[in-house]
Structure formats: C-alpha cells, structure tokens
Amino acid sequence: MISCKKESGTGTQKHKTVKDSVSVKKSSPTVQNDSIQSVEDIKKEYAAVSSLLLSKKLDSTNFTYYCNEKEGEVVIYKKDGQIKMIKDFYSEHSHFSSSTQYFIRNNQVFFIFQDETSWNFDGGTPEKPETKDDILEKRMYIVNDKAVQCLEKKYSVRSKGNNPDPNKINSRETKCDISELMKNYQLILKNKDKKGELKCL
C-alpha cells in the first residue's frame, strides 16, 4: 500500500505562492566563502550536498530510537569527517510518519526539508480498502540559525485514481518557527556516537 511506507536508512499563512524552491543543478558550485548569507547561497550549497548524496560520495552511520510510540532512525552523512546532512525518520501510531533532513555546512544548519505524511482509509471494501495520504512538505532556509524563508506545500495521494504531480504544485510562503527542530538537531548530535537502540533522543 502506498500509505504503509517506511524509508530505510534513510504561524500565519501569507497568501502567496512561489515556484518550488530548491532544485539540484549538477553544475552548481558550492558556496566559496565560509558562511552562507542568502537564499541563493543556500540553493547552491543544497545543490552541492544533494549531488554528493546522489553520487553516493558521502559516508554514513545510523542509529535507531523508540520513544513514546515513536519508532525512528537517524542517518548521518559525512564527507572527510564533516557532517553534511542528517536525516531523522520516524513513524508514530501506524498512521503518521515524518522525515526531516538537516543540511549542514561548517557545523551550521542552513536548510531543513520536512515531509509529514498521515494516511486514512478512503473507501473501497474490507477486502480491497482504498487509502489516502495527506502530505505536508516544509522547506526552511536558514541563515545564522534563523529562518529567512519558509515554504509549505500540501497535497494528497490516493491508492486509487489520478494523483497530482508534486513537482507541479506551487509552494506557499509562510512564517515558521524552527526552534523545536533545532532542539531535535542538537539532541541528535548529542547521541550520534551512541550504540544500539535509544529509548529517546
């Protein structure tokens, strides 16, 4: 079923839509100076890290955790000992899952991509039930530990019928608070060298 997915290893709304933000360009160079100062810098650095991920040029380690019905896995990607990306995936109560990717340069998070999925039964029969996934994507651009731009995209995917192409859905610019996500990031760093399954981060 499309809803029963689990990845392995792996505010106030403004009524404004924008074209989807981050696209990977193979030719995009990494940011040359030591700090990221703009959304354009973020896009370039995101493209560089994504290219390394796609070409499997990053080393990875992982650990799992189980905390109050949340079953999760964290994967840490590094190059030359420097963390480039952290992925935190968890499922909760069997009908909800969340994947958060932290993109990092010089030990600072510069971009967070979060994908939250909740699913429900949506018709069909007991023998052949149909389901619907409600998906919320969030893109957070970060400079000096502060969000400078936040985008959201909502859509649904049904197990039966025509579904939208997520790449053709415009994102909406929003206000966002990244404090909880950054706390989670710090907890991941604190536990990154521990072995075995953790009870909680």
Protein backbone atom coordinates (compact mmCIF):
# COMPACT_ATOMS: atom_id res chain seq x y z
CA MET A 1 0.00 0.00 0.00
CA ILE A 2 1.20 3.45 -0.81
CA SER A 3 0.44 4.54 2.73
CA CYS A 4 2.43 1.92 4.54
CA LYS A 5 5.75 3.38 3.60
CA LYS A 6 8.82 3.45 5.75
CA GLU A 7 12.08 4.76 4.47
CA SER A 8 15.17 2.74 5.12
CA GLY A 9 18.44 4.36 6.26
CA THR A 10 17.47 6.71 5.08
CA GLY A 11 2.28 30.71 12.25
CA THR A 12 0.46 32.62 9.97
CA GLN A 13 -0.01 32.00 6.29
CA LYS A 14 0.67 34.63 3.68
CA HIS A 15 -1.49 34.11 0.59
CA LYS A 16 1.42 33.99 -1.74
CA THR A 17 2.54 31.13 -3.91
CA VAL A 18 6.04 30.67 -5.17
CA LYS A 19 7.68 28.28 -7.53
CA ASP A 20 9.34 25.34 -5.89
CA SER A 21 12.46 26.45 -4.33
CA VAL A 22 15.32 24.06 -4.34
CA SER A 23 16.33 22.25 -7.48
CA VAL A 24 19.50 20.29 -7.96
CA LYS A 25 21.79 21.53 -10.69
CA LYS A 26 24.81 19.40 -11.37
CA SER A 27 26.87 22.42 -12.34
CA SER A 28 26.03 24.42 -9.22
CA PRO A 29 29.25 25.21 -7.38
CA THR A 30 29.45 25.10 -3.62
CA VAL A 31 29.49 28.39 -1.74
CA GLN A 32 33.10 29.56 -1.69
CA ASN A 33 33.23 31.67 1.44
CA ASP A 34 32.95 30.27 4.96
CA SER A 35 29.39 31.37 5.67
CA ILE A 36 26.01 31.29 3.97
CA GLN A 37 24.40 34.73 3.78
CA SER A 38 21.45 34.45 1.39
CA VAL A 39 18.79 32.16 -0.04
CA GLU A 40 20.86 31.99 -3.22
CA ASP A 41 23.85 30.74 -1.20
CA ILE A 42 21.59 28.14 0.39
CA LYS A 43 20.38 26.89 -3.00
CA LYS A 44 23.95 26.49 -4.23
CA GLU A 45 25.08 24.64 -1.14
CA TYR A 46 21.97 22.45 -1.16
CA ALA A 47 22.70 21.51 -4.77
CA ALA A 48 26.29 20.61 -3.87
CA VAL A 49 25.29 18.37 -0.96
CA SER A 50 22.48 16.75 -2.96
CA SER A 51 24.92 15.96 -5.74
CA LEU A 52 27.21 14.21 -3.25
CA LEU A 53 24.25 12.22 -1.91
CA LEU A 54 23.08 11.19 -5.36
CA SER A 55 26.56 10.08 -6.39
CA LYS A 56 26.97 8.19 -3.08
CA LYS A 57 30.14 10.07 -2.18
CA LEU A 58 29.22 10.52 1.48
CA ASP A 59 29.95 8.13 4.34
CA SER A 60 27.02 7.29 6.59
CA THR A 61 26.28 5.99 10.07
CA ASN A 62 22.92 5.40 11.70
CA PHE A 63 21.16 4.66 14.95
CA THR A 64 17.57 3.85 15.93
CA TYR A 65 15.31 5.02 18.76
CA TYR A 66 11.94 4.16 20.25
CA CYS A 67 10.20 6.83 22.29
CA ASN A 68 6.53 7.05 23.35
CA GLU A 69 5.13 5.19 20.31
CA LYS A 70 7.67 6.85 18.01
CA GLU A 71 9.94 4.41 16.21
CA GLY A 72 12.73 6.23 14.42
CA GLU A 73 16.03 6.06 12.65
CA VAL A 74 18.69 8.73 12.23
CA VAL A 75 21.21 8.59 9.39
CA ILE A 76 24.24 10.90 9.46
CA TYR A 77 26.08 11.64 6.22
CA LYS A 78 29.68 12.88 6.30
CA LYS A 79 32.47 13.88 3.96
CA ASP A 80 36.05 13.97 5.26
CA GLY A 81 34.69 13.72 8.80
CA GLN A 82 32.38 16.76 8.41
CA ILE A 83 28.63 16.27 8.74
CA LYS A 84 26.86 17.30 5.54
CA MET A 85 23.34 16.04 6.14
CA ILE A 86 21.29 14.36 8.87
CA LYS A 87 18.05 12.52 8.16
CA ASP A 88 15.62 11.79 11.00
CA PHE A 89 12.74 9.49 10.03
CA TYR A 90 10.09 8.18 12.41
CA SER A 91 6.64 6.59 12.33
CA GLU A 92 4.01 7.01 15.03
CA HIS A 93 0.71 5.19 15.75
CA SER A 94 1.00 3.45 12.34
CA HIS A 95 -0.89 6.26 10.55
CA PHE A 96 1.73 9.00 10.66
CA SER A 97 5.34 9.33 9.54
CA SER A 98 7.79 12.21 9.41
CA SER A 99 11.10 12.68 7.64
CA THR A 100 13.32 15.66 8.48
CA GLN A 101 16.54 16.38 6.59
CA TYR A 102 19.05 18.84 8.02
CA PHE A 103 21.59 20.20 5.53
CA ILE A 104 24.75 21.40 7.23
CA ARG A 105 27.84 23.46 6.40
CA ASN A 106 30.63 24.17 8.88
CA ASN A 107 28.52 22.65 11.68
CA GLN A 108 25.62 25.04 10.98
CA VAL A 109 22.22 24.04 9.62
CA PHE A 110 21.40 26.08 6.51
CA PHE A 111 18.35 24.24 5.15
CA ILE A 112 15.70 21.91 6.57
CA PHE A 113 13.34 19.83 4.45
CA GLN A 114 10.49 18.15 6.32
CA ASP A 115 7.94 15.73 4.88
CA GLU A 116 4.99 14.70 7.09
CA THR A 117 2.54 12.03 5.94
CA SER A 118 -0.71 10.92 7.58
CA TRP A 119 -2.91 8.28 5.99
CA ASN A 120 -6.51 7.13 6.36
CA PHE A 121 -8.86 4.68 4.74
CA ASP A 122 -10.71 6.31 1.86
CA GLY A 123 -13.38 3.94 0.60
CA GLY A 124 -13.09 0.62 -1.11
CA THR A 125 -14.14 -2.64 0.53
CA PRO A 126 -12.87 -4.54 3.57
CA GLU A 127 -11.16 -6.94 1.18
CA LYS A 128 -9.71 -4.17 -1.00
CA PRO A 129 -9.55 -0.98 1.06
CA GLU A 130 -8.52 2.30 -0.55
CA THR A 131 -6.33 4.80 1.24
CA LYS A 132 -5.38 8.47 1.10
CA ASP A 133 -2.07 10.01 2.13
CA ASP A 134 -2.18 13.67 3.21
CA ILE A 135 1.30 15.08 2.72
CA LEU A 136 2.78 18.30 4.05
CA GLU A 137 6.19 19.39 2.78
CA LYS A 138 8.11 22.18 4.51
CA ARG A 139 11.25 23.92 3.24
CA MET A 140 13.12 26.16 5.65
CA TYR A 141 16.01 28.40 4.56
CA ILE A 142 18.28 29.30 7.44
CA VAL A 143 20.97 31.97 7.86
CA ASN A 144 22.84 32.28 11.17
CA ASP A 145 20.41 29.89 12.89
CA LYS A 146 17.35 31.96 11.87
CA ALA A 147 14.75 31.08 9.26
CA VAL A 148 14.84 33.67 6.46
CA GLN A 149 12.28 31.98 4.22
CA CYS A 150 9.78 29.16 4.81
CA LEU A 151 7.68 27.38 2.19
CA GLU A 152 4.86 24.85 2.54
CA LYS A 153 3.19 22.51 0.07
CA LYS A 154 0.14 20.34 0.79
CA TYR A 155 -1.33 17.60 -1.37
CA SER A 156 -2.98 14.19 -1.17
CA VAL A 157 -2.12 10.88 -2.82
CA ARG A 158 -4.79 8.20 -3.19
CA SER A 159 -4.17 4.50 -3.68
CA LYS A 160 -6.76 4.55 -6.47
CA GLY A 161 -7.32 7.29 -9.02
CA ASN A 162 -5.31 10.08 -10.59
CA ASN A 163 -2.83 11.85 -8.35
CA PRO A 164 -1.18 15.25 -8.73
CA ASP A 165 2.45 15.65 -9.69
CA PRO A 166 4.04 17.17 -6.54
CA ASN A 167 6.61 18.98 -8.70
CA LYS A 168 3.81 20.95 -10.38
CA ILE A 169 2.21 22.13 -7.15
CA ASN A 170 3.21 25.62 -6.05
CA SER A 171 4.51 26.18 -2.56
CA ARG A 172 3.08 28.82 -0.25
CA GLU A 173 5.34 31.17 1.67
CA THR A 174 4.69 31.04 5.41
CA LYS A 175 6.11 32.12 8.74
CA CYS A 176 7.73 29.32 10.69
CA ASP A 177 9.41 28.58 13.99
CA ILE A 178 12.41 26.27 13.74
CA SER A 179 13.24 26.20 17.44
CA GLU A 180 11.89 22.67 18.08
CA LEU A 181 13.60 21.31 15.00
CA MET A 182 16.88 22.86 16.09
CA LYS A 183 16.50 21.34 19.57
CA ASN A 184 15.97 17.97 17.92
CA TYR A 185 19.10 18.55 15.82
CA GLN A 186 21.14 19.23 18.96
CA LEU A 187 19.78 16.04 20.56
CA ILE A 188 20.83 14.06 17.50
CA LEU A 189 24.35 15.48 17.75
CA LYS A 190 24.43 14.60 21.45
CA ASN A 191 23.52 10.97 20.73
CA LYS A 192 25.28 10.45 17.40
CA ASP A 193 28.06 8.23 18.79
CA LYS A 194 25.91 6.02 20.97
CA LYS A 195 25.50 2.38 20.00
CA GLY A 196 22.33 0.32 19.84
CA GLU A 197 18.72 1.49 20.08
CA LEU A 198 17.98 4.54 22.20
CA LYS A 199 14.82 4.94 24.25
CA CYS A 200 14.52 8.62 23.30
CA LEU A 201 16.74 11.23 21.74
